[in-house]
Structure formats: C-alpha cells, structure tokens
PDB file of N, CA and C in Angstrom:
ATOM      1  N   UNK A   1       0.840  -1.198   0.000  1.00  0.00           N
ATOM      2  CA  UNK A   1       0.000   0.000   0.000  1.00  0.00           C
ATOM      3  C   UNK A   1       0.874   1.246   0.000  1.00  0.00           C
ATOM      4  N   UNK A   2       0.408   2.335  -0.589  1.00  0.00           N
ATOM      5  CA  UNK A   2       1.201   3.558  -0.719  1.00  0.00           C
ATOM      6  C   UNK A   2       1.572   4.170   0.629  1.00  0.00           C
ATOM      7  N   UNK A   3       0.727   3.985   1.651  1.00  0.00           N
ATOM      8  CA  UNK A   3       0.992   4.573   2.966  1.00  0.00           C
ATOM      9  C   UNK A   3       2.250   3.966   3.587  1.00  0.00           C
ATOM     10  N   UNK A   4       2.398   2.654   3.489  1.00  0.00           N
ATOM     11  CA  UNK A   4       3.561   1.952   4.054  1.00  0.00           C
ATOM     12  C   UNK A   4       4.829   2.367   3.310  1.00  0.00           C
ATOM     13  N   UNK A   5       4.725   2.462   2.015  1.00  0.00           N
ATOM     14  CA  UNK A   5       5.875   2.866   1.208  1.00  0.00           C
ATOM     15  C   UNK A   5       6.313   4.281   1.576  1.00  0.00           C
ATOM     16  N   UNK A   6       5.377   5.185   1.773  1.00  0.00           N
ATOM     17  CA  UNK A   6       5.680   6.569   2.154  1.00  0.00           C
ATOM     18  C   UNK A   6       6.351   6.632   3.510  1.00  0.00           C
ATOM     19  N   UNK A   7       5.821   5.838   4.477  1.00  0.00           N
ATOM     20  CA  UNK A   7       6.425   5.823   5.821  1.00  0.00           C
ATOM     21  C   UNK A   7       7.833   5.219   5.781  1.00  0.00           C
ATOM     22  N   UNK A   8       7.995   4.183   4.997  1.00  0.00           N
ATOM     23  CA  UNK A   8       9.311   3.549   4.872  1.00  0.00           C
ATOM     24  C   UNK A   8      10.310   4.527   4.261  1.00  0.00           C
ATOM     25  N   UNK A   9       9.864   5.227   3.233  1.00  0.00           N
ATOM     26  CA  UNK A   9      10.739   6.209   2.583  1.00  0.00           C
ATOM     27  C   UNK A   9      11.092   7.333   3.563  1.00  0.00           C
ATOM     28  N   UNK A  10      10.091   7.775   4.343  1.00  0.00           N
ATOM     29  CA  UNK A  10      10.325   8.841   5.318  1.00  0.00           C
ATOM     30  C   UNK A  10      11.323   8.371   6.380  1.00  0.00           C
ATOM     31  N   UNK A  11      11.137   7.130   6.857  1.00  0.00           N
ATOM     32  CA  UNK A  11      12.048   6.581   7.881  1.00  0.00           C
ATOM     33  C   UNK A  11      13.461   6.443   7.313  1.00  0.00           C
ATOM     34  N   UNK A  12      13.560   5.987   6.068  1.00  0.00           N
ATOM     35  CA  UNK A  12      14.862   5.852   5.405  1.00  0.00           C
ATOM     36  C   UNK A  12      15.545   7.218   5.307  1.00  0.00           C
ATOM     37  N   UNK A  13      14.777   8.234   4.962  1.00  0.00           N
ATOM     38  CA  UNK A  13      15.310   9.597   4.855  1.00  0.00           C
ATOM     39  C   UNK A  13      15.794  10.087   6.214  1.00  0.00           C
ATOM     40  N   UNK A  14      15.032   9.794   7.281  1.00  0.00           N
ATOM     41  CA  UNK A  14      15.435  10.203   8.637  1.00  0.00           C
ATOM     42  C   UNK A  14      16.742   9.526   9.041  1.00  0.00           C
ATOM     43  N   UNK A  15      16.818   8.215   8.778  1.00  0.00           N
ATOM     44  CA  UNK A  15      18.035   7.467   9.126  1.00  0.00           C
ATOM     45  C   UNK A  15      19.225   8.019   8.342  1.00  0.00           C
ATOM     46  N   UNK A  16      19.008   8.253   7.061  1.00  0.00           N
ATOM     47  CA  UNK A  16      20.078   8.792   6.219  1.00  0.00           C
ATOM     48  C   UNK A  16      20.524  10.156   6.726  1.00  0.00           C
ATOM     49  N   UNK A  17      19.580  11.007   7.099  1.00  0.00           N
ATOM     50  CA  UNK A  17      19.900  12.332   7.628  1.00  0.00           C
ATOM     51  C   UNK A  17      20.673  12.212   8.945  1.00  0.00           C
ATOM     52  N   UNK A  18      20.239  11.280   9.823  1.00  0.00           N
ATOM     53  CA  UNK A  18      20.928  11.072  11.103  1.00  0.00           C
ATOM     54  C   UNK A  18      22.367  10.605  10.865  1.00  0.00           C
ATOM     55  N   UNK A  19      22.527   9.671   9.939  1.00  0.00           N
ATOM     56  CA  UNK A  19      23.874   9.176   9.631  1.00  0.00           C
ATOM     57  C   UNK A  19      24.738  10.301   9.062  1.00  0.00           C
ATOM     58  N   UNK A  20      24.136  11.106   8.195  1.00  0.00           N
ATOM     59  CA  UNK A  20      24.871  12.222   7.601  1.00  0.00           C
ATOM     60  C   UNK A  20      25.327  13.198   8.682  1.00  0.00           C
ATOM     61  N   UNK A  21      24.424  13.530   9.620  1.00  0.00           N
ATOM     62  CA  UNK A  21      24.775  14.449  10.709  1.00  0.00           C
ATOM     63  C   UNK A  21      25.873  13.850  11.585  1.00  0.00           C
ATOM     64  N   UNK A  22      25.756  12.540  11.863  1.00  0.00           N
ATOM     65  CA  UNK A  22      26.778  11.874  12.682  1.00  0.00           C
ATOM     66  C   UNK A  22      28.131  11.908  11.965  1.00  0.00           C
ATOM     67  N   UNK A  23      28.116  11.661  10.659  1.00  0.00           N
ATOM     68  CA  UNK A  23      29.359  11.692   9.890  1.00  0.00           C
ATOM     69  C   UNK A  23      29.946  13.103   9.827  1.00  0.00           C
ATOM     70  N   UNK A  24      29.078  14.107   9.710  1.00  0.00           N
ATOM     71  CA  UNK A  24      29.552  15.493   9.713  1.00  0.00           C
ATOM     72  C   UNK A  24      30.251  15.816  11.033  1.00  0.00           C
ATOM     73  N   UNK A  25      29.620  15.377  12.131  1.00  0.00           N
ATOM     74  CA  UNK A  25      30.186  15.633  13.457  1.00  0.00           C
ATOM     75  C   UNK A  25      31.527  14.912  13.625  1.00  0.00           C
ATOM     76  N   UNK A  26      31.564  13.651  13.186  1.00  0.00           N
ATOM     77  CA  UNK A  26      32.810  12.882  13.278  1.00  0.00           C
ATOM     78  C   UNK A  26      33.902  13.533  12.418  1.00  0.00           C
ATOM     79  N   UNK A  27      33.532  13.987  11.245  1.00  0.00           N
ATOM     80  CA  UNK A  27      34.486  14.647  10.356  1.00  0.00           C
ATOM     81  C   UNK A  27      35.047  15.916  11.004  1.00  0.00           C
ATOM     82  N   UNK A  28      34.168  16.692  11.637  1.00  0.00           N
ATOM     83  CA  UNK A  28      34.604  17.909  12.311  1.00  0.00           C
ATOM     84  C   UNK A  28      35.585  17.565  13.436  1.00  0.00           C
ATOM     85  N   UNK A  29      35.249  16.515  14.202  1.00  0.00           N
ATOM     86  CA  UNK A  29      36.119  16.077  15.290  1.00  0.00           C
ATOM     87  C   UNK A  29      37.482  15.634  14.738  1.00  0.00           C
ATOM     88  N   UNK A  30      37.459  14.866  13.651  1.00  0.00           N
ATOM     89  CA  UNK A  30      38.709  14.396  13.049  1.00  0.00           C
ATOM     90  C   UNK A  30      39.541  15.559  12.504  1.00  0.00           C
ATOM     91  N   UNK A  31      38.880  16.545  11.933  1.00  0.00           N
ATOM     92  CA  UNK A  31      39.597  17.730  11.443  1.00  0.00           C
ATOM     93  C   UNK A  31      40.273  18.474  12.590  1.00  0.00           C
ATOM     94  N   UNK A  32      39.561  18.607  13.711  1.00  0.00           N
ATOM     95  CA  UNK A  32      40.141  19.270  14.888  1.00  0.00           C
ATOM     96  C   UNK A  32      41.337  18.488  15.421  1.00  0.00           C
ATOM     97  N   UNK A  33      41.180  17.166  15.484  1.00  0.00           N
ATOM     98  CA  UNK A  33      42.273  16.313  15.954  1.00  0.00           C
ATOM     99  C   UNK A  33      43.473  16.434  15.023  1.00  0.00           C
ATOM    100  N   UNK A  34      43.201  16.420  13.726  1.00  0.00           N
ATOM    101  CA  UNK A  34      44.272  16.545  12.735  1.00  0.00           C
ATOM    102  C   UNK A  34      45.014  17.868  12.898  1.00  0.00           C
ATOM    103  N   UNK A  35      44.263  18.930  13.101  1.00  0.00           N
ATOM    104  CA  UNK A  35      44.863  20.254  13.285  1.00  0.00           C
ATOM    105  C   UNK A  35      45.759  20.274  14.529  1.00  0.00           C
ATOM    106  N   UNK A  36      45.251  19.689  15.602  1.00  0.00           N
ATOM    107  CA  UNK A  36      46.001  19.643  16.853  1.00  0.00           C
ATOM    108  C   UNK A  36      47.287  18.832  16.685  1.00  0.00           C
ATOM    109  N   UNK A  37      47.180  17.670  16.034  1.00  0.00           N
ATOM    110  CA  UNK A  37      48.357  16.824  15.826  1.00  0.00           C
ATOM    111  C   UNK A  37      49.372  17.492  14.897  1.00  0.00           C
ATOM    112  N   UNK A  38      48.884  18.226  13.920  1.00  0.00           N
ATOM    113  CA  UNK A  38      49.782  18.947  13.010  1.00  0.00           C
ATOM    114  C   UNK A  38      50.574  19.998  13.770  1.00  0.00           C
ATOM    115  N   UNK A  39      49.904  20.713  14.674  1.00  0.00           N
ATOM    116  CA  UNK A  39      50.605  21.710  15.498  1.00  0.00           C
ATOM    117  C   UNK A  39      51.673  21.048  16.364  1.00  0.00           C
ATOM    118  N   UNK A  40      51.310  19.917  16.983  1.00  0.00           N
ATOM    119  CA  UNK A  40      52.277  19.198  17.826  1.00  0.00           C
ATOM    120  C   UNK A  40      53.461  18.718  16.991  1.00  0.00           C
ATOM    121  N   UNK A  41      53.172  18.189  15.806  1.00  0.00           N
ATOM    122  CA  UNK A  41      54.234  17.710  14.922  1.00  0.00           C
ATOM    123  C   UNK A  41      55.188  18.841  14.559  1.00  0.00           C
ATOM    124  N   UNK A  42      54.637  19.994  14.224  1.00  0.00           N
ATOM    125  CA  UNK A  42      55.479  21.140  13.870  1.00  0.00           C
ATOM    126  C   UNK A  42      56.327  21.592  15.053  1.00  0.00           C
ATOM    127  N   UNK A  43      55.759  21.520  16.252  1.00  0.00           N
ATOM    128  CA  UNK A  43      56.512  21.867  17.460  1.00  0.00           C
ATOM    129  C   UNK A  43      57.677  20.901  17.651  1.00  0.00           C
ATOM    130  N   UNK A  44      57.401  19.606  17.471  1.00  0.00           N
ATOM    131  CA  UNK A  44      58.449  18.588  17.616  1.00  0.00           C
ATOM    132  C   UNK A  44      59.527  18.771  16.543  1.00  0.00           C
ATOM    133  N   UNK A  45      59.103  19.055  15.313  1.00  0.00           N
ATOM    134  CA  UNK A  45      60.076  19.280  14.230  1.00  0.00           C
ATOM    135  C   UNK A  45      60.992  20.451  14.564  1.00  0.00           C
ATOM    136  N   UNK A  46      60.413  21.530  15.071  1.00  0.00           N
ATOM    137  CA  UNK A  46      61.207  22.714  15.426  1.00  0.00           C
ATOM    138  C   UNK A  46      62.190  22.378  16.541  1.00  0.00           C
ATOM    139  N   UNK A  47      61.716  21.636  17.541  1.00  0.00           N
ATOM    140  CA  UNK A  47      62.595  21.246  18.649  1.00  0.00           C
ATOM    141  C   UNK A  47      63.740  20.370  18.135  1.00  0.00           C
ATOM    142  N   UNK A  48      63.429  19.467  17.199  1.00  0.00           N
ATOM    143  CA  UNK A  48      64.472  18.609  16.628  1.00  0.00           C
ATOM    144  C   UNK A  48      65.510  19.430  15.870  1.00  0.00           C
ATOM    145  N   UNK A  49      65.051  20.418  15.106  1.00  0.00           N
ATOM    146  CA  UNK A  49      65.992  21.280  14.380  1.00  0.00           C
ATOM    147  C   UNK A  49      66.929  21.979  15.360  1.00  0.00           C
ATOM    148  N   UNK A  50      66.347  22.521  16.431  1.00  0.00           N
ATOM    149  CA  UNK A  50      67.156  23.226  17.429  1.00  0.00           C
ATOM    150  C   UNK A  50      68.163  22.288  18.085  1.00  0.00           C
ATOM    151  N   UNK A  51      67.714  21.056  18.388  1.00  0.00           N
ATOM    152  CA  UNK A  51      68.621  20.089  19.006  1.00  0.00           C
ATOM    153  C   UNK A  51      69.725  19.660  18.042  1.00  0.00           C
ATOM    154  N   UNK A  52      69.388  19.527  16.754  1.00  0.00           N
ATOM    155  CA  UNK A  52      70.412  19.166  15.768  1.00  0.00           C
ATOM    156  C   UNK A  52      71.464  20.263  15.653  1.00  0.00           C
ATOM    157  N   UNK A  53      71.020  21.522  15.670  1.00  0.00           N
ATOM    158  CA  UNK A  53      71.973  22.636  15.638  1.00  0.00           C
ATOM    159  C   UNK A  53      72.856  22.628  16.889  1.00  0.00           C
ATOM    160  N   UNK A  54      72.232  22.367  18.032  1.00  0.00           N
ATOM    161  CA  UNK A  54      72.978  22.314  19.287  1.00  0.00           C
ATOM    162  C   UNK A  54      74.008  21.180  19.241  1.00  0.00           C
ATOM    163  N   UNK A  55      73.589  20.032  18.703  1.00  0.00           N
ATOM    164  CA  UNK A  55      74.491  18.887  18.587  1.00  0.00           C
ATOM    165  C   UNK A  55      75.674  19.214  17.680  1.00  0.00           C
ATOM    166  N   UNK A  56      75.401  19.849  16.535  1.00  0.00           N
ATOM    167  CA  UNK A  56      76.489  20.237  15.626  1.00  0.00           C
ATOM    168  C   UNK A  56      77.475  21.160  16.332  1.00  0.00           C
ATOM    169  N   UNK A  57      76.937  22.116  17.085  1.00  0.00           N
ATOM    170  CA  UNK A  57      77.796  23.036  17.825  1.00  0.00           C
ATOM    171  C   UNK A  57      78.650  22.312  18.849  1.00  0.00           C
ATOM    172  N   UNK A  58      78.048  21.348  19.540  1.00  0.00           N
ATOM    173  CA  UNK A  58      78.789  20.590  20.549  1.00  0.00           C
ATOM    174  C   UNK A  58      79.863  19.719  19.897  1.00  0.00           C
ATOM    175  N   UNK A  59      79.537  19.127  18.743  1.00  0.00           N
ATOM    176  CA  UNK A  59      80.529  18.313  18.034  1.00  0.00           C
ATOM    177  C   UNK A  59      81.702  19.174  17.573  1.00  0.00           C
ATOM    178  N   UNK A  60      81.399  20.379  17.099  1.00  0.00           N
ATOM    179  CA  UNK A  60      82.443  21.309  16.665  1.00  0.00           C
ATOM    180  C   UNK A  60      83.328  21.687  17.854  1.00  0.00           C
ATOM    181  N   UNK A  61      82.690  21.981  18.982  1.00  0.00           N
ATOM    182  CA  UNK A  61      83.424  22.340  20.197  1.00  0.00           C
ATOM    183  C   UNK A  61      84.301  21.178  20.648  1.00  0.00           C
ATOM    184  N   UNK A  62      83.785  19.962  20.552  1.00  0.00           N
ATOM    185  CA  UNK A  62      84.542  18.771  20.947  1.00  0.00           C
ATOM    186  C   UNK A  62      85.790  18.627  20.074  1.00  0.00           C
ATOM    187  N   UNK A  63      85.627  18.838  18.749  1.00  0.00           N
ATOM    188  CA  UNK A  63      86.784  18.760  17.842  1.00  0.00           C
ATOM    189  C   UNK A  63      87.832  19.810  18.211  1.00  0.00           C
ATOM    190  N   UNK A  64      87.365  21.030  18.494  1.00  0.00           N
ATOM    191  CA  UNK A  64      88.297  22.101  18.873  1.00  0.00           C
ATOM    192  C   UNK A  64      89.063  21.731  20.145  1.00  0.00           C
ATOM    193  N   UNK A  65      88.338  21.178  21.127  1.00  0.00           N
ATOM    194  CA  UNK A  65      88.985  20.795  22.384  1.00  0.00           C
ATOM    195  C   UNK A  65      90.011  19.690  22.155  1.00  0.00           C
ATOM    196  N   UNK A  66      89.668  18.717  21.299  1.00  0.00           N
ATOM    197  CA  UNK A  66      90.613  17.632  21.005  1.00  0.00           C
ATOM    198  C   UNK A  66      91.865  18.177  20.324  1.00  0.00           C
ATOM    199  N   UNK A  67      91.664  19.099  19.368  1.00  0.00           N
ATOM    200  CA  UNK A  67      92.802  19.704  18.675  1.00  0.00           C
ATOM    201  C   UNK A  67      93.663  20.501  19.648  1.00  0.00           C
ATOM    202  N   UNK A  68      93.017  21.235  20.538  1.00  0.00           N
ATOM    203  CA  UNK A  68      93.752  22.022  21.531  1.00  0.00           C
ATOM    204  C   UNK A  68      94.525  21.104  22.472  1.00  0.00           C
ATOM    205  N   UNK A  69      93.893  19.998  22.856  1.00  0.00           N
ATOM    206  CA  UNK A  69      94.552  19.040  23.747  1.00  0.00           C
ATOM    207  C   UNK A  69      95.767  18.424  23.050  1.00  0.00           C
ATOM    208  N   UNK A  70      95.590  18.087  21.779  1.00  0.00           N
ATOM    209  CA  UNK A  70      96.684  17.495  21.000  1.00  0.00           C
ATOM    210  C   UNK A  70      97.834  18.492  20.867  1.00  0.00           C
ATOM    211  N   UNK A  71      97.502  19.730  20.530  1.00  0.00           N
ATOM    212  CA  UNK A  71      98.525  20.773  20.388  1.00  0.00           C
ATOM    213  C   UNK A  71      99.243  21.002  21.710  1.00  0.00           C
ATOM    214  N   UNK A  72      98.481  20.996  22.790  1.00  0.00           N
ATOM    215  CA  UNK A  72      99.048  21.219  24.118  1.00  0.00           C
ATOM    216  C   UNK A  72     100.021  20.101  24.481  1.00  0.00           C
ATOM    217  N   UNK A  73      99.642  18.856  24.204  1.00  0.00           N
ATOM    218  CA  UNK A  73     100.523  17.735  24.543  1.00  0.00           C
ATOM    219  C   UNK A  73     101.784  17.770  23.682  1.00  0.00           C
ATOM    220  N   UNK A  74     101.663  18.243  22.438  1.00  0.00           N
ATOM    221  CA  UNK A  74     102.842  18.362  21.575  1.00  0.00           C
ATOM    222  C   UNK A  74     103.765  19.464  22.077  1.00  0.00           C
ATOM    223  N   UNK A  75     103.171  20.556  22.561  1.00  0.00           N
ATOM    224  CA  UNK A  75     103.982  21.650  23.105  1.00  0.00           C
ATOM    225  C   UNK A  75     104.760  21.200  24.333  1.00  0.00           C
ATOM    226  N   UNK A  76     104.129  20.357  25.143  1.00  0.00           N
ATOM    227  CA  UNK A  76     104.788  19.846  26.344  1.00  0.00           C
ATOM    228  C   UNK A  76     105.882  18.867  25.941  1.00  0.00           C
ATOM    229  N   UNK A  77     105.622  18.051  24.929  1.00  0.00           N
ATOM    230  CA  UNK A  77     106.580  17.038  24.511  1.00  0.00           C
ATOM    231  C   UNK A  77     107.804  17.657  23.839  1.00  0.00           C
ATOM    232  N   UNK A  78     107.640  18.744  23.121  1.00  0.00           N
ATOM    233  CA  UNK A  78     108.750  19.347  22.373  1.00  0.00           C
ATOM    234  C   UNK A  78     109.940  19.716  23.270  1.00  0.00           C
ATOM    235  N   UNK A  79     109.736  20.449  24.361  1.00  0.00           N
ATOM    236  CA  UNK A  79     110.890  20.779  25.221  1.00  0.00           C
ATOM    237  C   UNK A  79     111.546  19.531  25.805  1.00  0.00           C
ATOM    238  N   UNK A  80     110.738  18.532  26.150  1.00  0.00           N
ATOM    239  CA  UNK A  80     111.295  17.292  26.695  1.00  0.00           C
ATOM    240  C   UNK A  80     112.165  16.602  25.655  1.00  0.00           C
ATOM    241  N   UNK A  81     111.689  16.578  24.401  1.00  0.00           N
ATOM    242  CA  UNK A  81     112.476  15.961  23.337  1.00  0.00           C
ATOM    243  C   UNK A  81     113.793  16.698  23.129  1.00  0.00           C
ATOM    244  N   UNK A  82     113.731  18.018  23.121  1.00  0.00           N
ATOM    245  CA  UNK A  82     114.957  18.807  22.969  1.00  0.00           C
ATOM    246  C   UNK A  82     115.943  18.506  24.097  1.00  0.00           C
ATOM    247  N   UNK A  83     115.437  18.433  25.300  1.00  0.00           N
ATOM    248  CA  UNK A  83     116.273  18.145  26.468  1.00  0.00           C
ATOM    249  C   UNK A  83     116.924  16.766  26.333  1.00  0.00           C
ATOM    250  N   UNK A  84     116.103  15.768  25.927  1.00  0.00           N
ATOM    251  CA  UNK A  84     116.637  14.415  25.775  1.00  0.00           C
ATOM    252  C   UNK A  84     117.671  14.350  24.653  1.00  0.00           C
ATOM    253  N   UNK A  85     117.416  15.048  23.551  1.00  0.00           N
ATOM    254  CA  UNK A  85     118.390  15.076  22.446  1.00  0.00           C
ATOM    255  C   UNK A  85     119.711  15.710  22.909  1.00  0.00           C
ATOM    256  N   UNK A  86     119.544  16.801  23.634  1.00  0.00           N
ATOM    257  CA  UNK A  86     120.736  17.506  24.122  1.00  0.00           C
ATOM    258  C   UNK A  86     121.542  16.601  25.045  1.00  0.00           C
ATOM    259  N   UNK A  87     120.834  15.897  25.918  1.00  0.00           N
ATOM    260  CA  UNK A  87     121.507  14.983  26.847  1.00  0.00           C
ATOM    261  C   UNK A  87     122.201  13.860  26.082  1.00  0.00           C
ATOM    262  N   UNK A  88     121.539  13.361  25.045  1.00  0.00           N
ATOM    263  CA  UNK A  88     122.110  12.260  24.271  1.00  0.00           C
ATOM    264  C   UNK A  88     123.363  12.707  23.524  1.00  0.00           C
ATOM    265  N   UNK A  89     123.428  13.975  23.149  1.00  0.00           N
ATOM    266  CA  UNK A  89     124.575  14.481  22.400  1.00  0.00           C
ATOM    267  C   UNK A  89     125.762  14.784  23.310  1.00  0.00           C
ATOM    268  N   UNK A  90     125.492  14.983  24.578  1.00  0.00           N
ATOM    269  CA  UNK A  90     126.585  15.305  25.506  1.00  0.00           C
ATOM    270  C   UNK A  90     127.433  14.063  25.730  1.00  0.00           C
ATOM    271  N   UNK A  91     128.740  14.268  25.840  1.00  0.00           N
ATOM    272  CA  UNK A  91     129.624  13.110  26.049  1.00  0.00           C
ATOM    273  C   UNK A  91     129.529  12.534  27.439  1.00  0.00           C
TER     274      UNK A  91
END
C-alpha cells in the first residue's frame, strides 16, 4: 500500500539524515584532531631542528677541544724531546 511505502521512505530519509549528521560531526572532530596533531608535529620538528643545531655546535666544540689538547701535549713534549736530544749528544 502507498501509505507503508511513504512511511518507509520517510524513515529511510530520517536514518540517512541522522547518519549524515553523525558523519559530519565525526568529520569535524577528526579535522580538529588533525589540526592539533599537526601543530604538535610542527613543534616537535622545530625542537628537533634546534637540538640538531645544538648537537652540531657541541661536536664542533669537541673537535676544537681535542685539537687544543693534542697541540698542548705536543707543546709539552717538544721541550722534553729537545732536552733528551741535548743529553744524548753530551759526552
């Protein structure tokens, strides 16, 4: 009968509308979550860049200290070598 078909169609339309509204709400929630996660990701990326720069600086400083230590030990060794050579040459 046409009455049952009309009610069924109306109920189908209501269900479809409810599902559409639920999906719209879920989509909005997912968009907000995505936005929040994107901000966090960008914050982490920036922190990583800063830490990488800091690490490079520390590695450079470490190399300088090693070179200075090496130069210092050579400076200390040079007078000792001269002294030993001089002693070896003495009769």
